[in-house]
C-alpha atoms as a PDB file:
ATOM      1  CA  MET A   1       7.644  11.185 -31.611  1.00  0.00           C
ATOM      2  CA  VAL A   2       8.254   7.546 -30.695  1.00  0.00           C
ATOM      3  CA  ILE A   3      11.331   8.536 -28.671  1.00  0.00           C
ATOM      4  CA  ASP A   4       9.273  11.025 -26.633  1.00  0.00           C
ATOM      5  CA  ARG A   5       6.769   8.415 -25.471  1.00  0.00           C
ATOM      6  CA  PRO A   6       8.968   6.714 -22.836  1.00  0.00           C
ATOM      7  CA  VAL A   7       9.907  10.162 -21.478  1.00  0.00           C
ATOM      8  CA  GLN A   8       6.240  11.131 -21.235  1.00  0.00           C
ATOM      9  CA  LEU A   9       5.461   7.827 -19.498  1.00  0.00           C
ATOM     10  CA  VAL A  10       8.161   8.468 -16.872  1.00  0.00           C
ATOM     11  CA  ARG A  11       6.898  12.002 -16.243  1.00  0.00           C
ATOM     12  CA  ARG A  12       3.236  11.032 -15.983  1.00  0.00           C
ATOM     13  CA  TYR A  13       3.573   7.755 -14.061  1.00  0.00           C
ATOM     14  CA  PRO A  14       6.920   7.748 -12.183  1.00  0.00           C
ATOM     15  CA  GLU A  15       5.681   5.366  -9.471  1.00  0.00           C
ATOM     16  CA  LEU A  16       4.586   2.800 -12.062  1.00  0.00           C
ATOM     17  CA  VAL A  17       7.918   2.980 -13.898  1.00  0.00           C
ATOM     18  CA  VAL A  18       9.852   2.560 -10.629  1.00  0.00           C
ATOM     19  CA  VAL A  19       7.746  -0.443  -9.609  1.00  0.00           C
ATOM     20  CA  VAL A  20       8.121  -2.200 -12.973  1.00  0.00           C
ATOM     21  CA  ILE A  21      11.898  -1.655 -13.191  1.00  0.00           C
ATOM     22  CA  ALA A  22      12.442  -2.757  -9.580  1.00  0.00           C
ATOM     23  CA  ALA A  23      10.283  -5.845 -10.108  1.00  0.00           C
ATOM     24  CA  GLY A  24      12.351  -6.780 -13.155  1.00  0.00           C
ATOM     25  CA  LEU A  25      15.558  -6.359 -11.159  1.00  0.00           C
ATOM     26  CA  GLY A  26      14.189  -8.529  -8.358  1.00  0.00           C
ATOM     27  CA  LEU A  27      13.325 -11.297 -10.802  1.00  0.00           C
ATOM     28  CA  LEU A  28      16.760 -11.164 -12.450  1.00  0.00           C
ATOM     29  CA  VAL A  29      18.866 -11.032  -9.269  1.00  0.00           C
ATOM     30  CA  GLN A  30      16.837 -13.272  -6.990  1.00  0.00           C
ATOM     31  CA  SER A  31      19.432 -15.049  -4.882  1.00  0.00           C
ATOM     32  CA  PRO A  32      21.143 -12.129  -3.078  1.00  0.00           C
ATOM     33  CA  LEU A  33      17.917 -10.140  -2.798  1.00  0.00           C
ATOM     34  CA  ALA A  34      16.073 -13.120  -1.325  1.00  0.00           C
ATOM     35  CA  TRP A  35      18.939 -13.416   1.190  1.00  0.00           C
ATOM     36  CA  LEU A  36      18.383  -9.783   2.209  1.00  0.00           C
ATOM     37  CA  ALA A  37      14.617 -10.287   2.422  1.00  0.00           C
ATOM     38  CA  SER A  38      15.087 -13.192   4.815  1.00  0.00           C
ATOM     39  CA  ARG A  39      17.282 -11.003   7.060  1.00  0.00           C
ATOM     40  CA  GLN A  40      14.913  -8.141   7.874  1.00  0.00           C
ATOM     41  CA  GLY A  41      15.524  -6.310   4.575  1.00  0.00           C
ATOM     42  CA  ILE A  42      11.788  -5.751   4.052  1.00  0.00           C
ATOM     43  CA  ASN A  43      11.330  -4.374   7.566  1.00  0.00           C
ATOM     44  CA  MET A  44      14.289  -1.986   7.320  1.00  0.00           C
ATOM     45  CA  LEU A  45      13.168  -0.513   3.998  1.00  0.00           C
ATOM     46  CA  LEU A  46       9.568  -0.346   5.199  1.00  0.00           C
ATOM     47  CA  GLY A  47      10.601   1.726   8.228  1.00  0.00           C
ATOM     48  CA  ILE A  48      12.546   4.120   5.983  1.00  0.00           C
ATOM     49  CA  LEU A  49       9.579   4.434   3.597  1.00  0.00           C
ATOM     50  CA  VAL A  50       7.077   5.179   6.373  1.00  0.00           C
ATOM     51  CA  PHE A  51       9.337   7.786   8.003  1.00  0.00           C
ATOM     52  CA  ALA A  52      10.165   9.548   4.726  1.00  0.00           C
ATOM     53  CA  THR A  53       6.483   9.674   3.762  1.00  0.00           C
ATOM     54  CA  ALA A  54       5.352  10.927   7.188  1.00  0.00           C
ATOM     55  CA  VAL A  55       7.835  13.793   6.987  1.00  0.00           C
ATOM     56  CA  THR A  56       6.167  15.051   3.782  1.00  0.00           C
ATOM     57  CA  ILE A  57       2.638  15.209   5.288  1.00  0.00           C
ATOM     58  CA  GLU A  58       1.739  18.720   6.373  1.00  0.00           C
ATOM     59  CA  PRO A  59       0.046  19.017   9.797  1.00  0.00           C
ATOM     60  CA  ALA A  60      -2.523  21.311   8.161  1.00  0.00           C
ATOM     61  CA  ALA A  61      -3.615  18.465   5.869  1.00  0.00           C
ATOM     62  CA  LEU A  62      -4.551  16.290   8.843  1.00  0.00           C
ATOM     63  CA  ARG A  63      -6.428  19.189  10.439  1.00  0.00           C
ATOM     64  CA  ARG A  64      -8.411  19.712   7.222  1.00  0.00           C
ATOM     65  CA  ALA A  65      -9.349  16.034   7.201  1.00  0.00           C
ATOM     66  CA  VAL A  66     -11.300  16.563  10.449  1.00  0.00           C
ATOM     67  CA  SER A  67     -13.914  18.541   8.493  1.00  0.00           C
ATOM     68  CA  SER A  68     -14.868  15.276   6.723  1.00  0.00           C
ATOM     69  CA  TRP A  69     -14.801  13.189   9.901  1.00  0.00           C
ATOM     70  CA  ARG A  70     -17.978  11.217   9.104  1.00  0.00           C
ATOM     71  CA  THR A  71     -16.656  10.034   5.739  1.00  0.00           C
ATOM     72  CA  LEU A  72     -13.268   9.383   7.330  1.00  0.00           C
ATOM     73  CA  LEU A  73     -14.781   7.175  10.044  1.00  0.00           C
ATOM     74  CA  VAL A  74     -16.935   5.212   7.580  1.00  0.00           C
ATOM     75  CA  THR A  75     -13.946   4.667   5.289  1.00  0.00           C
ATOM     76  CA  LEU A  76     -11.810   3.442   8.191  1.00  0.00           C
ATOM     77  CA  LEU A  77     -14.577   1.177   9.493  1.00  0.00           C
ATOM     78  CA  VAL A  78     -15.147  -0.410   6.088  1.00  0.00           C
ATOM     79  CA  GLY A  79     -11.405  -0.783   5.612  1.00  0.00           C
ATOM     80  CA  ALA A  80     -11.107  -2.604   8.938  1.00  0.00           C
ATOM     81  CA  THR A  81     -14.017  -4.999   8.289  1.00  0.00           C
ATOM     82  CA  ALA A  82     -14.978  -5.466   4.636  1.00  0.00           C
ATOM     83  CA  LEU A  83     -11.489  -5.379   3.102  1.00  0.00           C
ATOM     84  CA  PRO A  84     -10.041  -8.150   5.300  1.00  0.00           C
ATOM     85  CA  ALA A  85     -13.114 -10.221   4.402  1.00  0.00           C
ATOM     86  CA  LEU A  86     -12.578  -9.505   0.688  1.00  0.00           C
ATOM     87  CA  SER A  87      -8.910 -10.499   0.786  1.00  0.00           C
ATOM     88  CA  TRP A  88      -9.764 -13.657   2.711  1.00  0.00           C
ATOM     89  CA  GLY A  89     -12.359 -14.540   0.054  1.00  0.00           C
ATOM     90  CA  ALA A  90      -9.906 -13.775  -2.755  1.00  0.00           C
ATOM     91  CA  SER A  91      -7.269 -15.955  -1.080  1.00  0.00           C
ATOM     92  CA  ARG A  92      -9.605 -18.955  -1.389  1.00  0.00           C
ATOM     93  CA  MET A  93      -9.073 -18.751  -5.159  1.00  0.00           C
ATOM     94  CA  VAL A  94      -5.411 -19.696  -4.584  1.00  0.00           C
ATOM     95  CA  ALA A  95      -4.042 -23.060  -3.470  1.00  0.00           C
ATOM     96  CA  ALA A  96      -3.140 -23.337   0.212  1.00  0.00           C
ATOM     97  CA  GLY A  97       0.395 -22.220   0.982  1.00  0.00           C
ATOM     98  CA  SER A  98       2.502 -19.080   0.970  1.00  0.00           C
ATOM     99  CA  LEU A  99       0.682 -17.506  -2.014  1.00  0.00           C
ATOM    100  CA  ARG A 100      -2.689 -17.821  -0.284  1.00  0.00           C
ATOM    101  CA  ASP A 101      -1.203 -16.409   2.929  1.00  0.00           C
ATOM    102  CA  GLY A 102       0.134 -13.384   1.057  1.00  0.00           C
ATOM    103  CA  VAL A 103      -3.220 -12.607  -0.574  1.00  0.00           C
ATOM    104  CA  MET A 104      -4.951 -12.907   2.795  1.00  0.00           C
ATOM    105  CA  SER A 105      -2.695 -10.168   4.185  1.00  0.00           C
ATOM    106  CA  ILE A 106      -3.611  -7.515   1.594  1.00  0.00           C
ATOM    107  CA  GLY A 107      -6.935  -6.476   3.110  1.00  0.00           C
ATOM    108  CA  LEU A 108      -5.266  -5.870   6.469  1.00  0.00           C
ATOM    109  CA  ALA A 109      -2.850  -3.288   5.055  1.00  0.00           C
ATOM    110  CA  PRO A 110      -3.601   0.439   5.312  1.00  0.00           C
ATOM    111  CA  CYS A 111      -4.284   2.530   2.245  1.00  0.00           C
ATOM    112  CA  GLU A 112      -1.416   2.835  -0.212  1.00  0.00           C
ATOM    113  CA  ILE A 113       0.979   5.684   0.585  1.00  0.00           C
ATOM    114  CA  ALA A 114       0.887   6.686  -3.099  1.00  0.00           C
ATOM    115  CA  SER A 115      -2.914   7.146  -2.908  1.00  0.00           C
ATOM    116  CA  VAL A 116      -2.379  10.632  -1.433  1.00  0.00           C
ATOM    117  CA  ALA A 117      -0.490  11.654  -4.577  1.00  0.00           C
ATOM    118  CA  THR A 118      -2.952   9.951  -6.941  1.00  0.00           C
ATOM    119  CA  THR A 119      -5.837  11.694  -5.154  1.00  0.00           C
ATOM    120  CA  ALA A 120      -4.204  15.067  -5.789  1.00  0.00           C
ATOM    121  CA  LEU A 121      -3.566  14.071  -9.425  1.00  0.00           C
ATOM    122  CA  ALA A 122      -7.257  13.159  -9.802  1.00  0.00           C
ATOM    123  CA  LYS A 123      -8.318  16.543  -8.315  1.00  0.00           C
ATOM    124  CA  GLY A 124      -9.700  14.839  -5.227  1.00  0.00           C
ATOM    125  CA  GLU A 125      -9.304  15.911  -1.589  1.00  0.00           C
ATOM    126  CA  PRO A 126      -5.722  14.995  -0.580  1.00  0.00           C
ATOM    127  CA  ALA A 127      -6.334  16.084   3.027  1.00  0.00           C
ATOM    128  CA  LEU A 128      -8.939  13.337   3.411  1.00  0.00           C
ATOM    129  CA  SER A 129      -6.555  10.834   1.810  1.00  0.00           C
ATOM    130  CA  ALA A 130      -3.863  11.841   4.309  1.00  0.00           C
ATOM    131  CA  GLY A 131      -6.361  11.333   7.142  1.00  0.00           C
ATOM    132  CA  VAL A 132      -7.291   7.889   5.842  1.00  0.00           C
ATOM    133  CA  LEU A 133      -3.596   7.031   5.476  1.00  0.00           C
ATOM    134  CA  MET A 134      -2.851   7.910   9.102  1.00  0.00           C
ATOM    135  CA  GLY A 135      -6.033   6.350  10.498  1.00  0.00           C
ATOM    136  CA  SER A 136      -5.833   3.127   8.498  1.00  0.00           C
ATOM    137  CA  THR A 137      -2.179   2.680   9.469  1.00  0.00           C
ATOM    138  CA  LEU A 138      -3.061   2.841  13.161  1.00  0.00           C
ATOM    139  CA  VAL A 139      -5.996   0.461  12.608  1.00  0.00           C
ATOM    140  CA  THR A 140      -3.689  -2.008  10.841  1.00  0.00           C
ATOM    141  CA  ILE A 141      -1.260  -2.020  13.747  1.00  0.00           C
ATOM    142  CA  VAL A 142      -4.076  -2.920  16.156  1.00  0.00           C
ATOM    143  CA  ILE A 143      -6.076  -5.483  14.167  1.00  0.00           C
ATOM    144  CA  ALA A 144      -3.635  -7.222  11.785  1.00  0.00           C
ATOM    145  CA  GLY A 145      -2.385  -9.826  14.262  1.00  0.00           C
ATOM    146  CA  PRO A 146      -5.724 -10.887  15.780  1.00  0.00           C
ATOM    147  CA  VAL A 147      -7.524 -10.979  12.416  1.00  0.00           C
ATOM    148  CA  LEU A 148      -4.788 -13.058  10.754  1.00  0.00           C
ATOM    149  CA  ALA A 149      -4.817 -15.434  13.719  1.00  0.00           C
ATOM    150  CA  LEU A 150      -8.574 -15.916  13.207  1.00  0.00           C
ATOM    151  CA  GLU A 151      -8.330 -16.288   9.422  1.00  0.00           C
ATOM    152  CA  SER A 152      -5.370 -18.644   9.432  1.00  0.00           C
ATOM    153  CA  SER A 153      -6.309 -22.300   9.671  1.00  0.00           C
ATOM    154  CA  GLY A 154      -3.062 -23.178  11.437  1.00  0.00           C
ATOM    155  CA  GLY A 155      -1.674 -22.019  14.758  1.00  0.00           C
ATOM    156  CA  SER A 156       1.527 -20.499  13.336  1.00  0.00           C
ATOM    157  CA  VAL A 157       0.319 -16.882  13.480  1.00  0.00           C
ATOM    158  CA  HIS A 158       1.266 -15.072  16.691  1.00  0.00           C
ATOM    159  CA  PRO A 159      -0.651 -11.765  17.080  1.00  0.00           C
ATOM    160  CA  ALA A 160       1.793 -10.373  19.640  1.00  0.00           C
ATOM    161  CA  HIS A 161       4.726 -10.878  17.255  1.00  0.00           C
ATOM    162  CA  ILE A 162       2.888  -9.073  14.437  1.00  0.00           C
ATOM    163  CA  LEU A 163       1.913  -6.220  16.797  1.00  0.00           C
ATOM    164  CA  VAL A 164       5.515  -5.739  17.953  1.00  0.00           C
ATOM    165  CA  ASN A 165       6.795  -5.904  14.372  1.00  0.00           C
ATOM    166  CA  LEU A 166       4.287  -3.322  13.084  1.00  0.00           C
ATOM    167  CA  THR A 167       4.958  -1.066  16.056  1.00  0.00           C
ATOM    168  CA  LEU A 168       8.699  -1.079  15.379  1.00  0.00           C
ATOM    169  CA  VAL A 169       8.662  -0.759  11.575  1.00  0.00           C
ATOM    170  CA  VAL A 170       5.465   1.259  11.016  1.00  0.00           C
ATOM    171  CA  ALA A 171       4.128   3.024  14.137  1.00  0.00           C
ATOM    172  CA  LEU A 172       7.414   4.409  15.498  1.00  0.00           C
ATOM    173  CA  PRO A 173       8.730   5.713  12.129  1.00  0.00           C
ATOM    174  CA  LEU A 174       5.278   7.186  11.424  1.00  0.00           C
ATOM    175  CA  MET A 175       5.114   9.041  14.733  1.00  0.00           C
ATOM    176  CA  ALA A 176       8.743  10.159  14.416  1.00  0.00           C
ATOM    177  CA  GLY A 177       8.148  11.588  10.937  1.00  0.00           C
ATOM    178  CA  LEU A 178       4.937  13.369  11.879  1.00  0.00           C
ATOM    179  CA  THR A 179       6.511  14.791  15.040  1.00  0.00           C
ATOM    180  CA  LEU A 180       9.546  16.043  13.145  1.00  0.00           C
ATOM    181  CA  ARG A 181       7.323  17.717  10.538  1.00  0.00           C
ATOM    182  CA  SER A 182       5.207  19.394  13.238  1.00  0.00           C
ATOM    183  CA  PHE A 183       8.305  21.120  14.660  1.00  0.00           C
ATOM    184  CA  VAL A 184      10.356  21.706  11.522  1.00  0.00           C
ATOM    185  CA  GLU A 185       9.197  23.470   8.375  1.00  0.00           C
ATOM    186  CA  LEU A 186      10.256  21.353   5.433  1.00  0.00           C
ATOM    187  CA  ARG A 187      11.800  23.450   2.689  1.00  0.00           C
ATOM    188  CA  GLN A 188      11.719  22.369  -0.926  1.00  0.00           C
ATOM    189  CA  PRO A 189      15.189  20.726  -1.106  1.00  0.00           C
ATOM    190  CA  ALA A 190      14.468  18.732   2.059  1.00  0.00           C
ATOM    191  CA  GLU A 191      11.040  17.706   0.763  1.00  0.00           C
ATOM    192  CA  ARG A 192      12.567  16.539  -2.508  1.00  0.00           C
ATOM    193  CA  LEU A 193      15.104  14.532  -0.513  1.00  0.00           C
ATOM    194  CA  ALA A 194      12.312  12.903   1.522  1.00  0.00           C
ATOM    195  CA  LEU A 195      10.331  12.059  -1.614  1.00  0.00           C
ATOM    196  CA  GLY A 196      13.447  10.688  -3.289  1.00  0.00           C
ATOM    197  CA  THR A 197      14.211   8.555  -0.243  1.00  0.00           C
ATOM    198  CA  ALA A 198      10.656   7.196  -0.267  1.00  0.00           C
ATOM    199  CA  THR A 199      10.952   6.360  -3.970  1.00  0.00           C
ATOM    200  CA  VAL A 200      14.241   4.502  -3.437  1.00  0.00           C
ATOM    201  CA  ALA A 201      12.707   2.605  -0.500  1.00  0.00           C
ATOM    202  CA  VAL A 202       9.710   1.596  -2.639  1.00  0.00           C
ATOM    203  CA  ALA A 203      12.047   0.384  -5.390  1.00  0.00           C
ATOM    204  CA  GLY A 204      14.054  -1.627  -2.884  1.00  0.00           C
ATOM    205  CA  LEU A 205      10.948  -3.167  -1.386  1.00  0.00           C
ATOM    206  CA  VAL A 206       9.573  -4.175  -4.776  1.00  0.00           C
ATOM    207  CA  ALA A 207      12.917  -5.757  -5.709  1.00  0.00           C
ATOM    208  CA  LEU A 208      13.103  -7.734  -2.443  1.00  0.00           C
ATOM    209  CA  ILE A 209       9.502  -8.891  -2.776  1.00  0.00           C
ATOM    210  CA  ALA A 210       9.946  -9.831  -6.447  1.00  0.00           C
ATOM    211  CA  ALA A 211      12.977 -11.919  -5.454  1.00  0.00           C
ATOM    212  CA  GLU A 212      10.572 -14.244  -3.618  1.00  0.00           C
ATOM    213  CA  ILE A 213       8.541 -14.909  -6.784  1.00  0.00           C
ATOM    214  CA  HIS A 214       8.912 -18.341  -8.369  1.00  0.00           C
ATOM    215  CA  PHE A 215       6.484 -18.540 -11.270  1.00  0.00           C
ATOM    216  CA  SER A 216       4.312 -21.615 -11.600  1.00  0.00           C
ATOM    217  CA  ALA A 217       0.809 -22.571 -12.704  1.00  0.00           C
ATOM    218  CA  HIS A 218      -0.422 -21.289  -9.324  1.00  0.00           C
ATOM    219  CA  TYR A 219       0.275 -17.728 -10.480  1.00  0.00           C
ATOM    220  CA  VAL A 220      -2.642 -17.893 -12.921  1.00  0.00           C
ATOM    221  CA  ALA A 221      -5.081 -18.289 -10.036  1.00  0.00           C
ATOM    222  CA  LEU A 222      -3.093 -15.743  -8.022  1.00  0.00           C
ATOM    223  CA  THR A 223      -3.453 -13.104 -10.747  1.00  0.00           C
ATOM    224  CA  GLY A 224      -7.197 -13.742 -10.913  1.00  0.00           C
ATOM    225  CA  ALA A 225      -7.481 -13.413  -7.133  1.00  0.00           C
ATOM    226  CA  LEU A 226      -5.565 -10.123  -7.089  1.00  0.00           C
ATOM    227  CA  LEU A 227      -7.608  -8.667  -9.962  1.00  0.00           C
ATOM    228  CA  ALA A 228     -10.812  -9.683  -8.174  1.00  0.00           C
ATOM    229  CA  PHE A 229      -9.658  -7.980  -4.968  1.00  0.00           C
ATOM    230  CA  VAL A 230      -8.726  -4.753  -6.778  1.00  0.00           C
ATOM    231  CA  ALA A 231     -12.069  -4.682  -8.635  1.00  0.00           C
ATOM    232  CA  LEU A 232     -14.188  -5.408  -5.558  1.00  0.00           C
ATOM    233  CA  SER A 233     -12.312  -2.942  -3.350  1.00  0.00           C
ATOM    234  CA  ALA A 234     -12.778  -0.269  -6.040  1.00  0.00           C
ATOM    235  CA  LEU A 235     -16.514  -1.037  -6.134  1.00  0.00           C
ATOM    236  CA  LEU A 236     -16.623  -0.753  -2.364  1.00  0.00           C
ATOM    237  CA  GLY A 237     -14.838   2.617  -2.446  1.00  0.00           C
ATOM    238  CA  TRP A 238     -17.251   3.885  -5.086  1.00  0.00           C
ATOM    239  CA  LEU A 239     -20.234   2.840  -2.974  1.00  0.00           C
ATOM    240  CA  ILE A 240     -18.894   4.608   0.140  1.00  0.00           C
ATOM    241  CA  GLY A 241     -18.483   7.913  -1.717  1.00  0.00           C
ATOM    242  CA  TRP A 242     -21.537   7.532  -3.947  1.00  0.00           C
ATOM    243  CA  ARG A 243     -23.435  10.591  -2.664  1.00  0.00           C
ATOM    244  CA  SER A 244     -20.460  12.656  -1.568  1.00  0.00           C
ATOM    245  CA  ALA A 245     -18.987  15.667  -3.344  1.00  0.00           C
ATOM    246  CA  LYS A 246     -16.692  14.625  -6.182  1.00  0.00           C
ATOM    247  CA  PRO A 247     -13.358  15.509  -4.468  1.00  0.00           C
ATOM    248  CA  ILE A 248     -14.406  13.523  -1.383  1.00  0.00           C
ATOM    249  CA  ALA A 249     -15.696  10.599  -3.470  1.00  0.00           C
ATOM    250  CA  THR A 250     -12.437  10.524  -5.432  1.00  0.00           C
ATOM    251  CA  ALA A 251     -10.355  10.394  -2.241  1.00  0.00           C
ATOM    252  CA  VAL A 252     -12.491   7.581  -0.813  1.00  0.00           C
ATOM    253  CA  LEU A 253     -12.375   5.561  -4.036  1.00  0.00           C
ATOM    254  CA  LEU A 254      -8.600   5.689  -4.334  1.00  0.00           C
ATOM    255  CA  THR A 255      -7.738   5.145  -0.671  1.00  0.00           C
ATOM    256  CA  THR A 256     -10.151   2.217  -0.374  1.00  0.00           C
ATOM    257  CA  SER A 257      -9.082   0.474  -3.573  1.00  0.00           C
ATOM    258  CA  MET A 258      -5.325   1.047  -3.159  1.00  0.00           C
ATOM    259  CA  ARG A 259      -3.855  -0.909  -0.235  1.00  0.00           C
ATOM    260  CA  ASP A 260      -0.222  -0.577   0.717  1.00  0.00           C
ATOM    261  CA  PHE A 261       1.634  -3.526  -0.810  1.00  0.00           C
ATOM    262  CA  ALA A 262       4.804  -2.782   1.212  1.00  0.00           C
ATOM    263  CA  ILE A 263       3.087  -2.927   4.597  1.00  0.00           C
ATOM    264  CA  ALA A 264       1.094  -5.961   3.430  1.00  0.00           C
ATOM    265  CA  ALA A 265       4.425  -7.609   2.597  1.00  0.00           C
ATOM    266  CA  GLY A 266       5.705  -6.756   6.069  1.00  0.00           C
ATOM    267  CA  ILE A 267       2.605  -8.278   7.654  1.00  0.00           C
ATOM    268  CA  ALA A 268       2.843 -11.426   5.511  1.00  0.00           C
ATOM    269  CA  ALA A 269       6.552 -11.859   6.222  1.00  0.00           C
ATOM    270  CA  ALA A 270       6.071 -11.353   9.968  1.00  0.00           C
ATOM    271  CA  ALA A 271       3.166 -13.801  10.115  1.00  0.00           C
ATOM    272  CA  PHE A 272       4.149 -16.497   7.617  1.00  0.00           C
ATOM    273  CA  GLY A 273       7.760 -15.931   6.511  1.00  0.00           C
ATOM    274  CA  ALA A 274       9.405 -14.079   3.618  1.00  0.00           C
ATOM    275  CA  ALA A 275       7.962 -16.413   0.949  1.00  0.00           C
ATOM    276  CA  ALA A 276       4.433 -15.174   1.738  1.00  0.00           C
ATOM    277  CA  ALA A 277       5.450 -11.693   0.537  1.00  0.00           C
ATOM    278  CA  ALA A 278       5.788 -12.934  -3.069  1.00  0.00           C
ATOM    279  CA  PRO A 279       2.197 -12.092  -4.178  1.00  0.00           C
ATOM    280  CA  LEU A 280       2.585  -8.522  -2.934  1.00  0.00           C
ATOM    281  CA  GLY A 281       5.037  -7.611  -5.698  1.00  0.00           C
ATOM    282  CA  LEU A 282       2.455  -8.512  -8.337  1.00  0.00           C
ATOM    283  CA  TYR A 283      -0.271  -6.779  -6.339  1.00  0.00           C
ATOM    284  CA  GLY A 284       1.901  -3.654  -6.086  1.00  0.00           C
ATOM    285  CA  ILE A 285       2.182  -3.437  -9.868  1.00  0.00           C
ATOM    286  CA  LEU A 286      -1.553  -4.029 -10.371  1.00  0.00           C
ATOM    287  CA  VAL A 287      -2.613  -1.478  -7.767  1.00  0.00           C
ATOM    288  CA  ILE A 288      -0.244   1.231  -9.051  1.00  0.00           C
ATOM    289  CA  VAL A 289      -1.502   0.636 -12.609  1.00  0.00           C
ATOM    290  CA  TRP A 290      -5.099   0.869 -11.375  1.00  0.00           C
ATOM    291  CA  GLY A 291      -4.470   3.972  -9.261  1.00  0.00           C
ATOM    292  CA  THR A 292      -2.643   5.946 -11.946  1.00  0.00           C
ATOM    293  CA  ALA A 293      -5.166   4.972 -14.646  1.00  0.00           C
ATOM    294  CA  ALA A 294      -8.129   5.861 -12.420  1.00  0.00           C
ATOM    295  CA  ALA A 295      -6.532   9.165 -11.397  1.00  0.00           C
ATOM    296  CA  GLY A 296      -5.946  10.121 -15.020  1.00  0.00           C
ATOM    297  CA  ARG A 297      -9.532   9.323 -15.970  1.00  0.00           C
ATOM    298  CA  LEU A 298     -10.988  11.142 -12.961  1.00  0.00           C
ATOM    299  CA  ARG A 299      -8.843  14.204 -13.625  1.00  0.00           C
ATOM    300  CA  HIS A 300      -9.994  14.285 -17.250  1.00  0.00           C
ATOM    301  CA  ALA A 301     -13.638  14.010 -16.116  1.00  0.00           C
ATOM    302  CA  ALA A 302     -13.179  16.867 -13.620  1.00  0.00           C
ATOM    303  CA  ALA A 303     -11.635  19.188 -16.230  1.00  0.00           C
END
């Protein structure tokens, strides 16, 4: 019975297991992984992750999301305004420096790619989650640079550089993946390959980000700031979907409260340097734990 428990954990929460193992590897083998992170390693893996994920999104799912266009627009609007404000507020809990810069970047990231899967697990509306994923990604590309330039007290943030970086590593792979899927029907072996590629890319990203972590007393405040952001973003998602049908409310809750740690790391690295990506590894673990736990509870409640 005891032996079966790790197997059950892997089957029920594969994303969480991958994130934890990769984070441990990143902490153990920091030097070479940090070298890769400082030489566009995060950007390369991020591009692969976005493309592999886009290939798995059915065009029909995006068309179904149009039927909930009002909720979609409100969710995107709140994500573009309230979440950056929340992450900026949470960053004030952390001492000035790379850790604060990393926290500030979280609210500018789109919804977590895994939120589409957790929405389906929670018996929510995955089509709406896919719509939020696409819409919030495009919003991030447009607003991340200008908003960070406003929030940053120094003049080191260059919006044009962030825009070019996000266009190359997020927008182009996203459009390429969606275009390929619209013309080619993805059969099961190919879909499994795409999902496996995305999983490997996530593991690589977590390892590279974890390699930038250097634990100190500042990480106590950092953990508190990240927990506060997750809790407040979840509250915000619940408020948006308060009077909606349960599948819609579930999708809004998970996509609002789960921000993409990989793209946030790319934003932080582009704006402030690779060291600013360090908090995103810890955030990635927290947000995957929250998302899988919430999905399990919501699924049980819907049964």
